[in-house]
N, C-alpha and C. Protein backbone atom coordinates (compact mmCIF):
# COMPACT_ATOMS: atom_id res chain seq x y z
N MET A 1 -28.46 34.16 0.44
CA MET A 1 -27.31 34.25 -0.42
C MET A 1 -26.08 33.64 0.26
N LYS A 2 -25.96 33.91 1.56
CA LYS A 2 -24.82 33.39 2.31
C LYS A 2 -24.86 31.85 2.34
N ASN A 3 -26.05 31.29 2.54
CA ASN A 3 -26.20 29.83 2.56
C ASN A 3 -25.87 29.22 1.21
N LEU A 4 -26.25 29.89 0.15
CA LEU A 4 -25.95 29.42 -1.19
C LEU A 4 -24.45 29.41 -1.45
N LEU A 5 -23.75 30.43 -1.00
CA LEU A 5 -22.31 30.52 -1.15
C LEU A 5 -21.62 29.41 -0.35
N ILE A 6 -22.08 29.15 0.85
CA ILE A 6 -21.52 28.08 1.67
C ILE A 6 -21.77 26.73 1.02
N PHE A 7 -22.95 26.55 0.46
CA PHE A 7 -23.27 25.30 -0.23
C PHE A 7 -22.32 25.05 -1.39
N PHE A 8 -22.09 26.05 -2.25
CA PHE A 8 -21.21 25.88 -3.40
C PHE A 8 -19.76 25.68 -2.97
N PHE A 9 -19.34 26.35 -1.92
CA PHE A 9 -17.98 26.17 -1.41
C PHE A 9 -17.80 24.75 -0.89
N THR A 10 -18.78 24.25 -0.14
CA THR A 10 -18.73 22.89 0.39
C THR A 10 -18.76 21.86 -0.73
N LEU A 11 -19.58 22.10 -1.72
CA LEU A 11 -19.66 21.21 -2.87
C LEU A 11 -18.34 21.15 -3.60
N ALA A 12 -17.71 22.28 -3.82
CA ALA A 12 -16.42 22.33 -4.51
C ALA A 12 -15.34 21.65 -3.69
N LEU A 13 -15.37 21.84 -2.39
CA LEU A 13 -14.36 21.26 -1.52
C LEU A 13 -14.43 19.74 -1.50
N PHE A 14 -15.61 19.19 -1.41
CA PHE A 14 -15.76 17.74 -1.30
C PHE A 14 -15.82 17.03 -2.65
N SER A 15 -15.93 17.74 -3.72
CA SER A 15 -15.95 17.09 -5.02
C SER A 15 -14.56 16.97 -5.61
N CYS A 16 -13.56 17.55 -4.97
CA CYS A 16 -12.19 17.43 -5.44
C CYS A 16 -11.71 15.99 -5.22
N GLU A 17 -10.90 15.50 -6.14
CA GLU A 17 -10.39 14.16 -6.03
C GLU A 17 -9.36 14.09 -4.89
N ASN A 18 -9.50 13.11 -4.06
CA ASN A 18 -8.61 12.95 -2.93
C ASN A 18 -7.68 11.77 -3.19
N THR A 19 -6.45 12.02 -3.59
CA THR A 19 -5.51 10.95 -3.88
C THR A 19 -4.99 10.31 -2.60
N ARG A 20 -5.10 10.98 -1.49
CA ARG A 20 -4.67 10.42 -0.21
C ARG A 20 -5.51 9.19 0.12
N PHE A 21 -6.79 9.23 -0.20
CA PHE A 21 -7.66 8.09 0.05
C PHE A 21 -7.18 6.88 -0.74
N ASP A 22 -6.79 7.07 -2.00
CA ASP A 22 -6.30 5.96 -2.83
C ASP A 22 -5.03 5.36 -2.24
N SER A 23 -4.15 6.22 -1.77
CA SER A 23 -2.90 5.75 -1.15
C SER A 23 -3.19 4.94 0.11
N ASP A 24 -4.09 5.42 0.93
CA ASP A 24 -4.47 4.69 2.15
C ASP A 24 -5.11 3.35 1.81
N LYS A 25 -5.93 3.34 0.79
CA LYS A 25 -6.60 2.11 0.35
C LYS A 25 -5.56 1.09 -0.14
N ARG A 26 -4.57 1.55 -0.91
CA ARG A 26 -3.52 0.65 -1.38
C ARG A 26 -2.68 0.12 -0.22
N GLN A 27 -2.45 0.94 0.79
CA GLN A 27 -1.69 0.50 1.95
C GLN A 27 -2.41 -0.64 2.66
N ILE A 28 -3.71 -0.52 2.80
CA ILE A 28 -4.50 -1.58 3.44
C ILE A 28 -4.49 -2.84 2.58
N ILE A 29 -4.61 -2.68 1.27
CA ILE A 29 -4.58 -3.83 0.36
C ILE A 29 -3.22 -4.52 0.44
N ALA A 30 -2.13 -3.73 0.50
CA ALA A 30 -0.78 -4.30 0.61
C ALA A 30 -0.63 -5.08 1.91
N LYS A 31 -1.13 -4.53 3.01
CA LYS A 31 -1.05 -5.22 4.30
C LYS A 31 -1.83 -6.53 4.25
N ASN A 32 -3.00 -6.52 3.64
CA ASN A 32 -3.79 -7.74 3.53
C ASN A 32 -3.11 -8.77 2.64
N GLU A 33 -2.47 -8.32 1.59
CA GLU A 33 -1.75 -9.22 0.68
C GLU A 33 -0.61 -9.92 1.41
N ILE A 34 0.16 -9.17 2.19
CA ILE A 34 1.25 -9.77 2.96
C ILE A 34 0.69 -10.68 4.05
N SER A 35 -0.39 -10.29 4.66
CA SER A 35 -1.02 -11.11 5.68
C SER A 35 -1.46 -12.46 5.11
N ASN A 36 -1.94 -12.46 3.88
CA ASN A 36 -2.35 -13.71 3.23
C ASN A 36 -1.16 -14.61 2.95
N LYS A 37 0.02 -14.04 2.78
CA LYS A 37 1.22 -14.84 2.49
C LYS A 37 1.75 -15.52 3.76
N ILE A 38 1.56 -14.90 4.91
CA ILE A 38 2.01 -15.51 6.17
C ILE A 38 0.78 -15.78 7.04
N LYS A 39 0.01 -16.73 6.63
CA LYS A 39 -1.27 -17.03 7.26
C LYS A 39 -1.13 -17.34 8.75
N ASN A 40 -2.11 -16.91 9.49
CA ASN A 40 -2.25 -17.19 10.92
C ASN A 40 -1.09 -16.67 11.78
N ILE A 41 -0.38 -15.67 11.30
CA ILE A 41 0.68 -15.06 12.10
C ILE A 41 0.35 -13.58 12.26
N ARG A 42 0.33 -13.13 13.50
CA ARG A 42 0.10 -11.70 13.76
C ARG A 42 1.44 -10.99 13.65
N PHE A 43 1.47 -9.90 12.94
CA PHE A 43 2.71 -9.16 12.75
C PHE A 43 2.48 -7.68 12.94
N ASP A 44 3.58 -6.98 13.17
CA ASP A 44 3.56 -5.53 13.28
C ASP A 44 4.33 -4.94 12.13
N ILE A 45 3.83 -3.83 11.60
CA ILE A 45 4.53 -3.11 10.54
C ILE A 45 5.42 -2.08 11.22
N THR A 46 6.73 -2.16 10.96
CA THR A 46 7.67 -1.23 11.58
C THR A 46 8.07 -0.10 10.65
N ALA A 47 7.92 -0.30 9.36
CA ALA A 47 8.24 0.75 8.38
C ALA A 47 7.40 0.52 7.14
N PHE A 48 7.13 1.60 6.45
CA PHE A 48 6.29 1.55 5.26
C PHE A 48 6.82 2.56 4.25
N LYS A 49 6.86 2.16 2.99
CA LYS A 49 7.34 3.07 1.96
C LYS A 49 6.55 2.84 0.67
N GLU A 50 6.22 3.93 0.01
CA GLU A 50 5.56 3.87 -1.28
C GLU A 50 6.45 4.59 -2.28
N ASP A 51 6.70 3.96 -3.42
CA ASP A 51 7.46 4.63 -4.47
C ASP A 51 7.03 4.12 -5.83
N THR A 52 7.37 4.88 -6.84
CA THR A 52 7.07 4.52 -8.22
C THR A 52 8.35 4.05 -8.88
N LEU A 53 8.31 2.86 -9.47
CA LEU A 53 9.49 2.31 -10.13
C LEU A 53 9.64 2.95 -11.50
N GLN A 54 10.80 3.52 -11.74
CA GLN A 54 11.05 4.17 -13.03
C GLN A 54 11.38 3.15 -14.13
N THR A 55 11.98 2.02 -13.74
CA THR A 55 12.27 0.96 -14.71
C THR A 55 11.64 -0.33 -14.21
N TRP A 56 11.11 -1.08 -15.14
CA TRP A 56 10.46 -2.34 -14.83
C TRP A 56 10.58 -3.23 -16.05
N PRO A 57 11.04 -4.48 -15.89
CA PRO A 57 11.30 -5.32 -17.06
C PRO A 57 10.06 -5.70 -17.88
N ASP A 58 8.90 -5.72 -17.27
CA ASP A 58 7.68 -6.08 -17.98
C ASP A 58 7.18 -4.87 -18.76
N SER A 59 7.15 -4.99 -20.07
CA SER A 59 6.76 -3.85 -20.91
C SER A 59 5.27 -3.55 -20.85
N ALA A 60 4.47 -4.45 -20.27
CA ALA A 60 3.03 -4.20 -20.17
C ALA A 60 2.73 -3.12 -19.14
N PHE A 61 3.63 -2.94 -18.17
CA PHE A 61 3.41 -1.96 -17.12
C PHE A 61 4.59 -1.01 -17.06
N LYS A 62 4.32 0.25 -17.24
CA LYS A 62 5.35 1.27 -17.09
C LYS A 62 5.10 2.02 -15.80
N HIS A 63 6.12 2.13 -14.98
CA HIS A 63 6.07 2.85 -13.71
C HIS A 63 5.06 2.27 -12.72
N PRO A 64 5.21 0.98 -12.38
CA PRO A 64 4.32 0.42 -11.35
C PRO A 64 4.61 1.05 -9.99
N ILE A 65 3.65 0.94 -9.11
CA ILE A 65 3.77 1.50 -7.76
C ILE A 65 4.19 0.37 -6.83
N ARG A 66 5.26 0.60 -6.06
CA ARG A 66 5.77 -0.41 -5.14
C ARG A 66 5.49 0.01 -3.69
N TYR A 67 4.92 -0.90 -2.93
CA TYR A 67 4.72 -0.71 -1.50
C TYR A 67 5.65 -1.67 -0.78
N THR A 68 6.45 -1.13 0.14
CA THR A 68 7.38 -1.93 0.92
C THR A 68 6.99 -1.83 2.39
N LEU A 69 6.75 -2.97 3.00
CA LEU A 69 6.37 -3.02 4.41
C LEU A 69 7.41 -3.83 5.17
N ASP A 70 8.06 -3.23 6.14
CA ASP A 70 8.96 -3.97 7.03
C ASP A 70 8.10 -4.48 8.17
N ILE A 71 8.17 -5.80 8.39
CA ILE A 71 7.32 -6.42 9.40
C ILE A 71 8.16 -7.22 10.39
N VAL A 72 7.64 -7.36 11.58
CA VAL A 72 8.25 -8.21 12.60
C VAL A 72 7.15 -9.09 13.20
N TYR A 73 7.56 -10.31 13.56
CA TYR A 73 6.64 -11.24 14.21
C TYR A 73 7.46 -12.31 14.92
N LYS A 74 6.82 -13.03 15.80
CA LYS A 74 7.47 -14.15 16.48
C LYS A 74 6.98 -15.44 15.85
N ASP A 75 7.94 -16.30 15.49
CA ASP A 75 7.57 -17.57 14.88
C ASP A 75 7.18 -18.58 15.96
N SER A 76 6.95 -19.83 15.55
CA SER A 76 6.48 -20.86 16.49
C SER A 76 7.51 -21.19 17.57
N ALA A 77 8.78 -20.89 17.31
CA ALA A 77 9.84 -21.11 18.31
C ALA A 77 10.06 -19.87 19.17
N ASN A 78 9.16 -18.90 19.05
CA ASN A 78 9.22 -17.64 19.80
C ASN A 78 10.46 -16.81 19.45
N THR A 79 10.94 -16.97 18.22
CA THR A 79 12.08 -16.19 17.73
C THR A 79 11.54 -15.01 16.93
N LEU A 80 12.10 -13.85 17.20
CA LEU A 80 11.67 -12.64 16.49
C LEU A 80 12.16 -12.69 15.04
N GLN A 81 11.25 -12.55 14.12
CA GLN A 81 11.56 -12.56 12.69
C GLN A 81 11.36 -11.17 12.12
N ARG A 82 12.30 -10.73 11.30
CA ARG A 82 12.20 -9.45 10.60
C ARG A 82 12.16 -9.74 9.11
N LYS A 83 11.08 -9.33 8.47
CA LYS A 83 10.89 -9.59 7.04
C LYS A 83 10.48 -8.31 6.34
N ARG A 84 10.57 -8.35 5.03
CA ARG A 84 10.13 -7.23 4.21
C ARG A 84 9.12 -7.76 3.19
N GLY A 85 7.93 -7.18 3.21
CA GLY A 85 6.90 -7.53 2.24
C GLY A 85 6.86 -6.48 1.15
N ILE A 86 6.83 -6.93 -0.09
CA ILE A 86 6.80 -6.02 -1.23
C ILE A 86 5.57 -6.34 -2.07
N VAL A 87 4.82 -5.31 -2.38
CA VAL A 87 3.61 -5.47 -3.20
C VAL A 87 3.70 -4.47 -4.34
N LEU A 88 3.57 -4.98 -5.58
CA LEU A 88 3.59 -4.12 -6.77
C LEU A 88 2.18 -3.93 -7.29
N PHE A 89 1.83 -2.69 -7.52
CA PHE A 89 0.53 -2.33 -8.07
C PHE A 89 0.70 -1.83 -9.50
N THR A 90 -0.35 -1.94 -10.28
CA THR A 90 -0.36 -1.36 -11.62
C THR A 90 -0.20 0.16 -11.49
N PRO A 91 0.22 0.84 -12.55
CA PRO A 91 0.43 2.29 -12.47
C PRO A 91 -0.79 3.07 -11.99
N ASP A 92 -1.99 2.58 -12.28
CA ASP A 92 -3.19 3.29 -11.80
C ASP A 92 -3.50 2.96 -10.35
N GLY A 93 -2.79 1.97 -9.79
CA GLY A 93 -2.95 1.62 -8.38
C GLY A 93 -4.16 0.79 -8.05
N ASN A 94 -4.85 0.27 -9.05
CA ASN A 94 -6.09 -0.46 -8.81
C ASN A 94 -5.92 -1.97 -8.70
N SER A 95 -4.80 -2.52 -9.19
CA SER A 95 -4.62 -3.97 -9.20
C SER A 95 -3.22 -4.33 -8.74
N ILE A 96 -3.11 -5.51 -8.17
CA ILE A 96 -1.80 -6.02 -7.74
C ILE A 96 -1.17 -6.78 -8.90
N ILE A 97 0.09 -6.47 -9.16
CA ILE A 97 0.86 -7.20 -10.18
C ILE A 97 1.49 -8.44 -9.55
N ASN A 98 2.16 -8.23 -8.41
CA ASN A 98 2.88 -9.32 -7.76
C ASN A 98 3.15 -8.92 -6.31
N SER A 99 3.43 -9.91 -5.48
CA SER A 99 3.81 -9.64 -4.10
C SER A 99 4.70 -10.77 -3.61
N TRP A 100 5.60 -10.44 -2.68
CA TRP A 100 6.50 -11.44 -2.11
C TRP A 100 7.06 -10.93 -0.80
N ILE A 101 7.65 -11.87 -0.05
CA ILE A 101 8.27 -11.56 1.23
C ILE A 101 9.73 -11.96 1.17
N THR A 102 10.61 -11.09 1.64
CA THR A 102 12.04 -11.37 1.68
C THR A 102 12.55 -11.14 3.10
N ASP A 103 13.79 -11.54 3.32
CA ASP A 103 14.43 -11.23 4.60
C ASP A 103 14.66 -9.74 4.66
N SER A 104 14.51 -9.16 5.84
CA SER A 104 14.72 -7.72 6.01
C SER A 104 16.18 -7.39 5.82
N GLN A 105 16.42 -6.19 5.30
CA GLN A 105 17.81 -5.78 5.03
C GLN A 105 18.23 -4.68 5.94
């Protein structure tokens, strides 16, 4: 009986949806997206932020998810560059809407 109770408790615990995994997966996808934009440059992420946009001009997507990555790297002249990579995901977080890199603020 004790083993049966432990089995059901374990089953219930691991069958719960883990939204943290989705967030981690999106963070990796965002990093890869920014990496593809600055090909062949190794960079470090100095700050990371996830937020939901309450207003968005495209009516096809309401409340997209925005990932902001502050990155630093050295360019070919060995000058330290500080940039901000922004990746927008659909509200369900499964697809990228757009991504771009700007100067860090």
